[in-house]
């Protein structure tokens, strides 16, 4: 994916949670951002790969990442969220 879309990889490397096939990217900041937006571990693994980071993912703990571009928190965990956001 890094080779197919170097600009996307560069944005991910800069800390942006870019839109990908899995839930977890941020195309806009949520208006009600008291709770972090939910994201999948599939997204987190793909995003870490784009950044050339080790796939250090815990299935027990929640990991919160803040999008550098939108300042939106996204919570990645193995548990399903209580609600479903249609935002990307």
PDB file of N, CA and C in Angstrom:
ATOM      1  N   UNK A   1       0.826  -1.186   0.000  1.00  0.00           N
ATOM      2  CA  UNK A   1       0.000   0.000   0.000  1.00  0.00           C
ATOM      3  C   UNK A   1       0.876   1.259   0.000  1.00  0.00           C
ATOM      4  N   UNK A   2       1.993   1.193   0.715  1.00  0.00           N
ATOM      5  CA  UNK A   2       2.906   2.348   0.732  1.00  0.00           C
ATOM      6  C   UNK A   2       3.414   2.659  -0.667  1.00  0.00           C
ATOM      7  N   UNK A   3       3.665   1.609  -1.459  1.00  0.00           N
ATOM      8  CA  UNK A   3       4.180   1.804  -2.811  1.00  0.00           C
ATOM      9  C   UNK A   3       3.092   2.285  -3.762  1.00  0.00           C
ATOM     10  N   UNK A   4       1.865   1.823  -3.554  1.00  0.00           N
ATOM     11  CA  UNK A   4       0.753   2.212  -4.420  1.00  0.00           C
ATOM     12  C   UNK A   4       0.311   3.652  -4.183  1.00  0.00           C
ATOM     13  N   UNK A   5       0.424   4.123  -2.959  1.00  0.00           N
ATOM     14  CA  UNK A   5      -0.042   5.473  -2.632  1.00  0.00           C
ATOM     15  C   UNK A   5       0.925   6.121  -1.633  1.00  0.00           C
ATOM     16  N   UNK A   6       2.079   6.595  -2.121  1.00  0.00           N
ATOM     17  CA  UNK A   6       3.074   7.189  -1.220  1.00  0.00           C
ATOM     18  C   UNK A   6       2.565   8.416  -0.471  1.00  0.00           C
ATOM     19  N   UNK A   7       1.653   9.178  -1.087  1.00  0.00           N
ATOM     20  CA  UNK A   7       1.112  10.366  -0.424  1.00  0.00           C
ATOM     21  C   UNK A   7       0.279   9.955   0.793  1.00  0.00           C
ATOM     22  N   UNK A   8      -0.489   8.891   0.661  1.00  0.00           N
ATOM     23  CA  UNK A   8      -1.275   8.365   1.782  1.00  0.00           C
ATOM     24  C   UNK A   8      -0.346   7.910   2.907  1.00  0.00           C
ATOM     25  N   UNK A   9       0.716   7.212   2.547  1.00  0.00           N
ATOM     26  CA  UNK A   9       1.692   6.751   3.537  1.00  0.00           C
ATOM     27  C   UNK A   9       2.359   7.930   4.240  1.00  0.00           C
ATOM     28  N   UNK A  10       2.631   8.979   3.497  1.00  0.00           N
ATOM     29  CA  UNK A  10       3.258  10.173   4.086  1.00  0.00           C
ATOM     30  C   UNK A  10       2.302  10.841   5.083  1.00  0.00           C
ATOM     31  N   UNK A  11       1.021  10.919   4.736  1.00  0.00           N
ATOM     32  CA  UNK A  11       0.034  11.495   5.644  1.00  0.00           C
ATOM     33  C   UNK A  11      -0.092  10.649   6.915  1.00  0.00           C
ATOM     34  N   UNK A  12      -0.089   9.332   6.762  1.00  0.00           N
ATOM     35  CA  UNK A  12      -0.156   8.440   7.930  1.00  0.00           C
ATOM     36  C   UNK A  12       1.088   8.609   8.795  1.00  0.00           C
ATOM     37  N   UNK A  13       2.245   8.715   8.165  1.00  0.00           N
ATOM     38  CA  UNK A  13       3.496   8.900   8.907  1.00  0.00           C
ATOM     39  C   UNK A  13       3.489  10.205   9.692  1.00  0.00           C
ATOM     40  N   UNK A  14       2.745  11.197   9.209  1.00  0.00           N
ATOM     41  CA  UNK A  14       2.648  12.485   9.899  1.00  0.00           C
ATOM     42  C   UNK A  14       1.615  12.453  11.028  1.00  0.00           C
ATOM     43  N   UNK A  15       0.967  11.303  11.227  1.00  0.00           N
ATOM     44  CA  UNK A  15       0.026  11.167  12.337  1.00  0.00           C
ATOM     45  C   UNK A  15      -1.432  11.325  11.963  1.00  0.00           C
ATOM     46  N   UNK A  16      -1.722  11.493  10.679  1.00  0.00           N
ATOM     47  CA  UNK A  16      -3.115  11.616  10.241  1.00  0.00           C
ATOM     48  C   UNK A  16      -3.750  10.223  10.179  1.00  0.00           C
ATOM     49  N   UNK A  17      -4.943  10.107  10.711  1.00  0.00           N
ATOM     50  CA  UNK A  17      -5.697   8.857  10.623  1.00  0.00           C
ATOM     51  C   UNK A  17      -6.465   8.893   9.302  1.00  0.00           C
ATOM     52  N   UNK A  18      -5.771   8.495   8.254  1.00  0.00           N
ATOM     53  CA  UNK A  18      -6.288   8.586   6.886  1.00  0.00           C
ATOM     54  C   UNK A  18      -7.429   7.595   6.663  1.00  0.00           C
ATOM     55  N   UNK A  19      -8.396   7.921   5.801  1.00  0.00           N
ATOM     56  CA  UNK A  19      -9.456   6.971   5.479  1.00  0.00           C
ATOM     57  C   UNK A  19      -8.884   5.718   4.810  1.00  0.00           C
ATOM     58  N   UNK A  20      -9.254   4.567   5.331  1.00  0.00           N
ATOM     59  CA  UNK A  20      -8.844   3.273   4.787  1.00  0.00           C
ATOM     60  C   UNK A  20     -10.086   2.381   4.673  1.00  0.00           C
ATOM     61  N   UNK A  21      -9.899   1.145   4.276  1.00  0.00           N
ATOM     62  CA  UNK A  21     -11.021   0.224   4.101  1.00  0.00           C
ATOM     63  C   UNK A  21     -11.693  -0.125   5.426  1.00  0.00           C
ATOM     64  N   UNK A  22     -10.991  -0.002   6.538  1.00  0.00           N
ATOM     65  CA  UNK A  22     -11.519  -0.380   7.846  1.00  0.00           C
ATOM     66  C   UNK A  22     -11.964   0.857   8.613  1.00  0.00           C
ATOM     67  N   UNK A  23     -12.869   0.677   9.557  1.00  0.00           N
ATOM     68  CA  UNK A  23     -13.350   1.783  10.386  1.00  0.00           C
ATOM     69  C   UNK A  23     -12.229   2.263  11.315  1.00  0.00           C
ATOM     70  N   UNK A  24     -12.003   3.575  11.310  1.00  0.00           N
ATOM     71  CA  UNK A  24     -10.977   4.146  12.178  1.00  0.00           C
ATOM     72  C   UNK A  24     -10.369   5.425  11.635  1.00  0.00           C
ATOM     73  N   UNK A  25     -10.544   5.666  10.356  1.00  0.00           N
ATOM     74  CA  UNK A  25     -10.028   6.899   9.774  1.00  0.00           C
ATOM     75  C   UNK A  25     -10.889   8.092  10.152  1.00  0.00           C
ATOM     76  N   UNK A  26     -10.352   9.273   9.945  1.00  0.00           N
ATOM     77  CA  UNK A  26     -11.071  10.491  10.315  1.00  0.00           C
ATOM     78  C   UNK A  26     -11.139  11.411   9.102  1.00  0.00           C
ATOM     79  N   UNK A  27     -12.333  11.530   8.521  1.00  0.00           N
ATOM     80  CA  UNK A  27     -12.504  12.452   7.402  1.00  0.00           C
ATOM     81  C   UNK A  27     -12.977  13.820   7.900  1.00  0.00           C
ATOM     82  N   UNK A  28     -13.578  13.844   9.095  1.00  0.00           N
ATOM     83  CA  UNK A  28     -13.970  15.098   9.737  1.00  0.00           C
ATOM     84  C   UNK A  28     -14.075  14.842  11.236  1.00  0.00           C
ATOM     85  N   UNK A  29     -13.895  15.884  12.017  1.00  0.00           N
ATOM     86  CA  UNK A  29     -13.999  15.761  13.470  1.00  0.00           C
ATOM     87  C   UNK A  29     -15.470  15.658  13.863  1.00  0.00           C
ATOM     88  N   UNK A  30     -15.768  14.769  14.782  1.00  0.00           N
ATOM     89  CA  UNK A  30     -17.132  14.628  15.262  1.00  0.00           C
ATOM     90  C   UNK A  30     -17.535  15.866  16.055  1.00  0.00           C
ATOM     91  N   UNK A  31     -18.794  16.252  15.956  1.00  0.00           N
ATOM     92  CA  UNK A  31     -19.255  17.424  16.698  1.00  0.00           C
ATOM     93  C   UNK A  31     -19.383  17.113  18.183  1.00  0.00           C
ATOM     94  N   UNK A  32     -19.750  15.899  18.519  1.00  0.00           N
ATOM     95  CA  UNK A  32     -19.834  15.471  19.915  1.00  0.00           C
ATOM     96  C   UNK A  32     -18.653  14.542  20.172  1.00  0.00           C
ATOM     97  N   UNK A  33     -17.524  15.117  20.561  1.00  0.00           N
ATOM     98  CA  UNK A  33     -16.312  14.311  20.713  1.00  0.00           C
ATOM     99  C   UNK A  33     -15.919  14.099  22.175  1.00  0.00           C
ATOM    100  N   UNK A  34     -16.929  13.964  23.046  1.00  0.00           N
ATOM    101  CA  UNK A  34     -16.628  13.702  24.457  1.00  0.00           C
ATOM    102  C   UNK A  34     -16.014  12.315  24.628  1.00  0.00           C
ATOM    103  N   UNK A  35     -16.507  11.358  23.848  1.00  0.00           N
ATOM    104  CA  UNK A  35     -15.938  10.011  23.846  1.00  0.00           C
ATOM    105  C   UNK A  35     -15.144   9.833  22.555  1.00  0.00           C
ATOM    106  N   UNK A  36     -14.056   9.067  22.608  1.00  0.00           N
ATOM    107  CA  UNK A  36     -13.318   8.820  21.365  1.00  0.00           C
ATOM    108  C   UNK A  36     -14.186   8.045  20.372  1.00  0.00           C
ATOM    109  N   UNK A  37     -13.969   8.300  19.118  1.00  0.00           N
ATOM    110  CA  UNK A  37     -14.619   7.566  18.047  1.00  0.00           C
ATOM    111  C   UNK A  37     -14.074   6.133  18.052  1.00  0.00           C
ATOM    112  N   UNK A  38     -14.897   5.103  17.829  1.00  0.00           N
ATOM    113  CA  UNK A  38     -14.381   3.732  17.802  1.00  0.00           C
ATOM    114  C   UNK A  38     -13.675   3.418  16.488  1.00  0.00           C
ATOM    115  N   UNK A  39     -12.656   2.591  16.568  1.00  0.00           N
ATOM    116  CA  UNK A  39     -11.937   2.129  15.383  1.00  0.00           C
ATOM    117  C   UNK A  39     -11.587   0.659  15.529  1.00  0.00           C
ATOM    118  N   UNK A  40     -11.398  -0.026  14.410  1.00  0.00           N
ATOM    119  CA  UNK A  40     -11.106  -1.461  14.453  1.00  0.00           C
ATOM    120  C   UNK A  40      -9.607  -1.719  14.545  1.00  0.00           C
ATOM    121  N   UNK A  41      -9.275  -2.883  15.055  1.00  0.00           N
ATOM    122  CA  UNK A  41      -7.868  -3.279  15.112  1.00  0.00           C
ATOM    123  C   UNK A  41      -7.315  -3.513  13.705  1.00  0.00           C
ATOM    124  N   UNK A  42      -8.183  -3.875  12.754  1.00  0.00           N
ATOM    125  CA  UNK A  42      -7.751  -4.017  11.362  1.00  0.00           C
ATOM    126  C   UNK A  42      -7.229  -2.671  10.842  1.00  0.00           C
ATOM    127  N   UNK A  43      -7.973  -1.607  11.152  1.00  0.00           N
ATOM    128  CA  UNK A  43      -7.533  -0.270  10.745  1.00  0.00           C
ATOM    129  C   UNK A  43      -6.185   0.046  11.393  1.00  0.00           C
ATOM    130  N   UNK A  44      -6.094  -0.177  12.698  1.00  0.00           N
ATOM    131  CA  UNK A  44      -4.861   0.136  13.422  1.00  0.00           C
ATOM    132  C   UNK A  44      -3.673  -0.612  12.824  1.00  0.00           C
ATOM    133  N   UNK A  45      -3.850  -1.891  12.492  1.00  0.00           N
ATOM    134  CA  UNK A  45      -2.760  -2.676  11.904  1.00  0.00           C
ATOM    135  C   UNK A  45      -2.348  -2.119  10.541  1.00  0.00           C
ATOM    136  N   UNK A  46      -3.319  -1.755   9.711  1.00  0.00           N
ATOM    137  CA  UNK A  46      -3.014  -1.198   8.399  1.00  0.00           C
ATOM    138  C   UNK A  46      -2.310   0.151   8.539  1.00  0.00           C
ATOM    139  N   UNK A  47      -2.800   0.982   9.445  1.00  0.00           N
ATOM    140  CA  UNK A  47      -2.218   2.304   9.670  1.00  0.00           C
ATOM    141  C   UNK A  47      -0.783   2.193  10.181  1.00  0.00           C
ATOM    142  N   UNK A  48      -0.556   1.287  11.118  1.00  0.00           N
ATOM    143  CA  UNK A  48       0.808   1.090  11.632  1.00  0.00           C
ATOM    144  C   UNK A  48       1.739   0.609  10.518  1.00  0.00           C
ATOM    145  N   UNK A  49       1.235  -0.277   9.652  1.00  0.00           N
ATOM    146  CA  UNK A  49       2.029  -0.743   8.514  1.00  0.00           C
ATOM    147  C   UNK A  49       2.382   0.390   7.560  1.00  0.00           C
ATOM    148  N   UNK A  50       1.427   1.266   7.294  1.00  0.00           N
ATOM    149  CA  UNK A  50       1.697   2.436   6.448  1.00  0.00           C
ATOM    150  C   UNK A  50       2.801   3.303   7.045  1.00  0.00           C
ATOM    151  N   UNK A  51       2.860   3.350   8.366  1.00  0.00           N
ATOM    152  CA  UNK A  51       3.848   4.165   9.073  1.00  0.00           C
ATOM    153  C   UNK A  51       5.170   3.425   9.279  1.00  0.00           C
ATOM    154  N   UNK A  52       5.228   2.181   8.825  1.00  0.00           N
ATOM    155  CA  UNK A  52       6.398   1.310   9.012  1.00  0.00           C
ATOM    156  C   UNK A  52       6.699   1.060  10.486  1.00  0.00           C
ATOM    157  N   UNK A  53       5.637   0.988  11.293  1.00  0.00           N
ATOM    158  CA  UNK A  53       5.791   0.688  12.718  1.00  0.00           C
ATOM    159  C   UNK A  53       5.547  -0.788  12.968  1.00  0.00           C
ATOM    160  N   UNK A  54       6.121  -1.289  14.055  1.00  0.00           N
ATOM    161  CA  UNK A  54       5.848  -2.662  14.468  1.00  0.00           C
ATOM    162  C   UNK A  54       4.371  -2.813  14.788  1.00  0.00           C
ATOM    163  N   UNK A  55       3.825  -3.978  14.517  1.00  0.00           N
ATOM    164  CA  UNK A  55       2.418  -4.240  14.811  1.00  0.00           C
ATOM    165  C   UNK A  55       2.280  -4.642  16.274  1.00  0.00           C
ATOM    166  N   UNK A  56       2.476  -3.673  17.136  1.00  0.00           N
ATOM    167  CA  UNK A  56       2.376  -3.862  18.581  1.00  0.00           C
ATOM    168  C   UNK A  56       0.944  -3.544  18.998  1.00  0.00           C
ATOM    169  N   UNK A  57       0.082  -4.552  18.881  1.00  0.00           N
ATOM    170  CA  UNK A  57      -1.344  -4.357  19.139  1.00  0.00           C
ATOM    171  C   UNK A  57      -1.793  -5.316  20.238  1.00  0.00           C
ATOM    172  N   UNK A  58      -2.377  -4.764  21.269  1.00  0.00           N
ATOM    173  CA  UNK A  58      -2.915  -5.568  22.361  1.00  0.00           C
ATOM    174  C   UNK A  58      -4.401  -5.820  22.116  1.00  0.00           C
ATOM    175  N   UNK A  59      -4.823  -7.057  22.294  1.00  0.00           N
ATOM    176  CA  UNK A  59      -6.250  -7.363  22.178  1.00  0.00           C
ATOM    177  C   UNK A  59      -6.952  -7.203  23.520  1.00  0.00           C
ATOM    178  N   UNK A  60      -6.207  -6.917  24.560  1.00  0.00           N
ATOM    179  CA  UNK A  60      -6.790  -6.729  25.894  1.00  0.00           C
ATOM    180  C   UNK A  60      -7.016  -5.262  26.244  1.00  0.00           C
ATOM    181  N   UNK A  61      -6.160  -4.403  25.731  1.00  0.00           N
ATOM    182  CA  UNK A  61      -6.200  -2.993  26.105  1.00  0.00           C
ATOM    183  C   UNK A  61      -6.720  -2.126  24.967  1.00  0.00           C
ATOM    184  N   UNK A  62      -7.321  -1.024  25.338  1.00  0.00           N
ATOM    185  CA  UNK A  62      -7.754  -0.037  24.366  1.00  0.00           C
ATOM    186  C   UNK A  62      -6.577   0.890  24.064  1.00  0.00           C
ATOM    187  N   UNK A  63      -6.431   1.264  22.819  1.00  0.00           N
ATOM    188  CA  UNK A  63      -5.373   2.201  22.423  1.00  0.00           C
ATOM    189  C   UNK A  63      -6.046   3.417  21.789  1.00  0.00           C
ATOM    190  N   UNK A  64      -5.778   4.584  22.324  1.00  0.00           N
ATOM    191  CA  UNK A  64      -6.358   5.809  21.792  1.00  0.00           C
ATOM    192  C   UNK A  64      -5.293   6.566  21.008  1.00  0.00           C
ATOM    193  N   UNK A  65      -5.643   6.908  19.770  1.00  0.00           N
ATOM    194  CA  UNK A  65      -4.760   7.655  18.887  1.00  0.00           C
ATOM    195  C   UNK A  65      -5.488   8.935  18.497  1.00  0.00           C
ATOM    196  N   UNK A  66      -4.764  10.040  18.485  1.00  0.00           N
ATOM    197  CA  UNK A  66      -5.336  11.321  18.080  1.00  0.00           C
ATOM    198  C   UNK A  66      -4.864  11.653  16.678  1.00  0.00           C
ATOM    199  N   UNK A  67      -5.816  11.924  15.802  1.00  0.00           N
ATOM    200  CA  UNK A  67      -5.499  12.305  14.428  1.00  0.00           C
ATOM    201  C   UNK A  67      -4.795  13.665  14.442  1.00  0.00           C
ATOM    202  N   UNK A  68      -3.609  13.715  13.866  1.00  0.00           N
ATOM    203  CA  UNK A  68      -2.830  14.947  13.855  1.00  0.00           C
ATOM    204  C   UNK A  68      -3.483  16.043  13.006  1.00  0.00           C
ATOM    205  N   UNK A  69      -4.263  15.651  12.033  1.00  0.00           N
ATOM    206  CA  UNK A  69      -4.895  16.652  11.163  1.00  0.00           C
ATOM    207  C   UNK A  69      -6.207  17.176  11.736  1.00  0.00           C
ATOM    208  N   UNK A  70      -7.038  16.305  12.265  1.00  0.00           N
ATOM    209  CA  UNK A  70      -8.381  16.683  12.714  1.00  0.00           C
ATOM    210  C   UNK A  70      -8.508  16.828  14.229  1.00  0.00           C
ATOM    211  N   UNK A  71      -7.464  16.434  14.968  1.00  0.00           N
ATOM    212  CA  UNK A  71      -7.483  16.471  16.431  1.00  0.00           C
ATOM    213  C   UNK A  71      -8.658  15.669  17.002  1.00  0.00           C
ATOM    214  N   UNK A  72      -8.965  14.551  16.352  1.00  0.00           N
ATOM    215  CA  UNK A  72     -10.049  13.655  16.779  1.00  0.00           C
ATOM    216  C   UNK A  72      -9.426  12.417  17.414  1.00  0.00           C
ATOM    217  N   UNK A  73      -9.872  12.065  18.619  1.00  0.00           N
ATOM    218  CA  UNK A  73      -9.417  10.842  19.274  1.00  0.00           C
ATOM    219  C   UNK A  73     -10.179   9.648  18.712  1.00  0.00           C
ATOM    220  N   UNK A  74      -9.460   8.554  18.486  1.00  0.00           N
ATOM    221  CA  UNK A  74     -10.064   7.309  18.034  1.00  0.00           C
ATOM    222  C   UNK A  74      -9.582   6.202  18.966  1.00  0.00           C
ATOM    223  N   UNK A  75     -10.525   5.419  19.479  1.00  0.00           N
ATOM    224  CA  UNK A  75     -10.209   4.322  20.400  1.00  0.00           C
ATOM    225  C   UNK A  75     -10.226   3.003  19.632  1.00  0.00           C
ATOM    226  N   UNK A  76      -9.114   2.305  19.645  1.00  0.00           N
ATOM    227  CA  UNK A  76      -8.996   1.011  18.981  1.00  0.00           C
ATOM    228  C   UNK A  76      -8.995  -0.081  20.044  1.00  0.00           C
ATOM    229  N   UNK A  77      -9.901  -1.036  19.918  1.00  0.00           N
ATOM    230  CA  UNK A  77      -9.952  -2.139  20.872  1.00  0.00           C
ATOM    231  C   UNK A  77     -10.602  -3.348  20.223  1.00  0.00           C
ATOM    232  N   UNK A  78     -10.497  -4.478  20.891  1.00  0.00           N
ATOM    233  CA  UNK A  78     -11.085  -5.715  20.393  1.00  0.00           C
ATOM    234  C   UNK A  78     -12.559  -5.830  20.756  1.00  0.00           C
ATOM    235  N   UNK A  79     -13.061  -4.926  21.595  1.00  0.00           N
ATOM    236  CA  UNK A  79     -14.470  -4.963  21.976  1.00  0.00           C
ATOM    237  C   UNK A  79     -15.284  -4.070  21.051  1.00  0.00           C
ATOM    238  N   UNK A  80     -16.523  -4.443  20.852  1.00  0.00           N
ATOM    239  CA  UNK A  80     -17.408  -3.653  20.010  1.00  0.00           C
ATOM    240  C   UNK A  80     -17.900  -2.434  20.776  1.00  0.00           C
ATOM    241  N   UNK A  81     -18.030  -1.293  20.109  1.00  0.00           N
ATOM    242  CA  UNK A  81     -18.535  -0.094  20.788  1.00  0.00           C
ATOM    243  C   UNK A  81     -20.021  -0.214  21.080  1.00  0.00           C
ATOM    244  N   UNK A  82     -20.513   0.628  21.989  1.00  0.00           N
ATOM    245  CA  UNK A  82     -21.928   0.645  22.348  1.00  0.00           C
ATOM    246  C   UNK A  82     -22.796   1.200  21.236  1.00  0.00           C
ATOM    247  N   UNK A  83     -22.236   2.026  20.359  1.00  0.00           N
ATOM    248  CA  UNK A  83     -22.993   2.659  19.288  1.00  0.00           C
ATOM    249  C   UNK A  83     -22.195   2.579  18.002  1.00  0.00           C
ATOM    250  N   UNK A  84     -22.874   2.876  16.898  1.00  0.00           N
ATOM    251  CA  UNK A  84     -22.228   2.811  15.580  1.00  0.00           C
ATOM    252  C   UNK A  84     -22.209   4.198  14.953  1.00  0.00           C
ATOM    253  N   UNK A  85     -21.016   4.728  14.698  1.00  0.00           N
ATOM    254  CA  UNK A  85     -20.893   6.031  14.027  1.00  0.00           C
ATOM    255  C   UNK A  85     -20.778   5.801  12.527  1.00  0.00           C
ATOM    256  N   UNK A  86     -21.498   6.583  11.752  1.00  0.00           N
ATOM    257  CA  UNK A  86     -21.408   6.487  10.309  1.00  0.00           C
ATOM    258  C   UNK A  86     -20.246   7.291   9.757  1.00  0.00           C
ATOM    259  N   UNK A  87     -19.632   8.119  10.596  1.00  0.00           N
ATOM    260  CA  UNK A  87     -18.483   8.913  10.163  1.00  0.00           C
ATOM    261  C   UNK A  87     -17.322   8.002   9.850  1.00  0.00           C
ATOM    262  N   UNK A  88     -16.551   8.334   8.838  1.00  0.00           N
ATOM    263  CA  UNK A  88     -15.432   7.487   8.441  1.00  0.00           C
ATOM    264  C   UNK A  88     -14.270   7.653   9.352  1.00  0.00           C
TER     265      UNK A  88
END
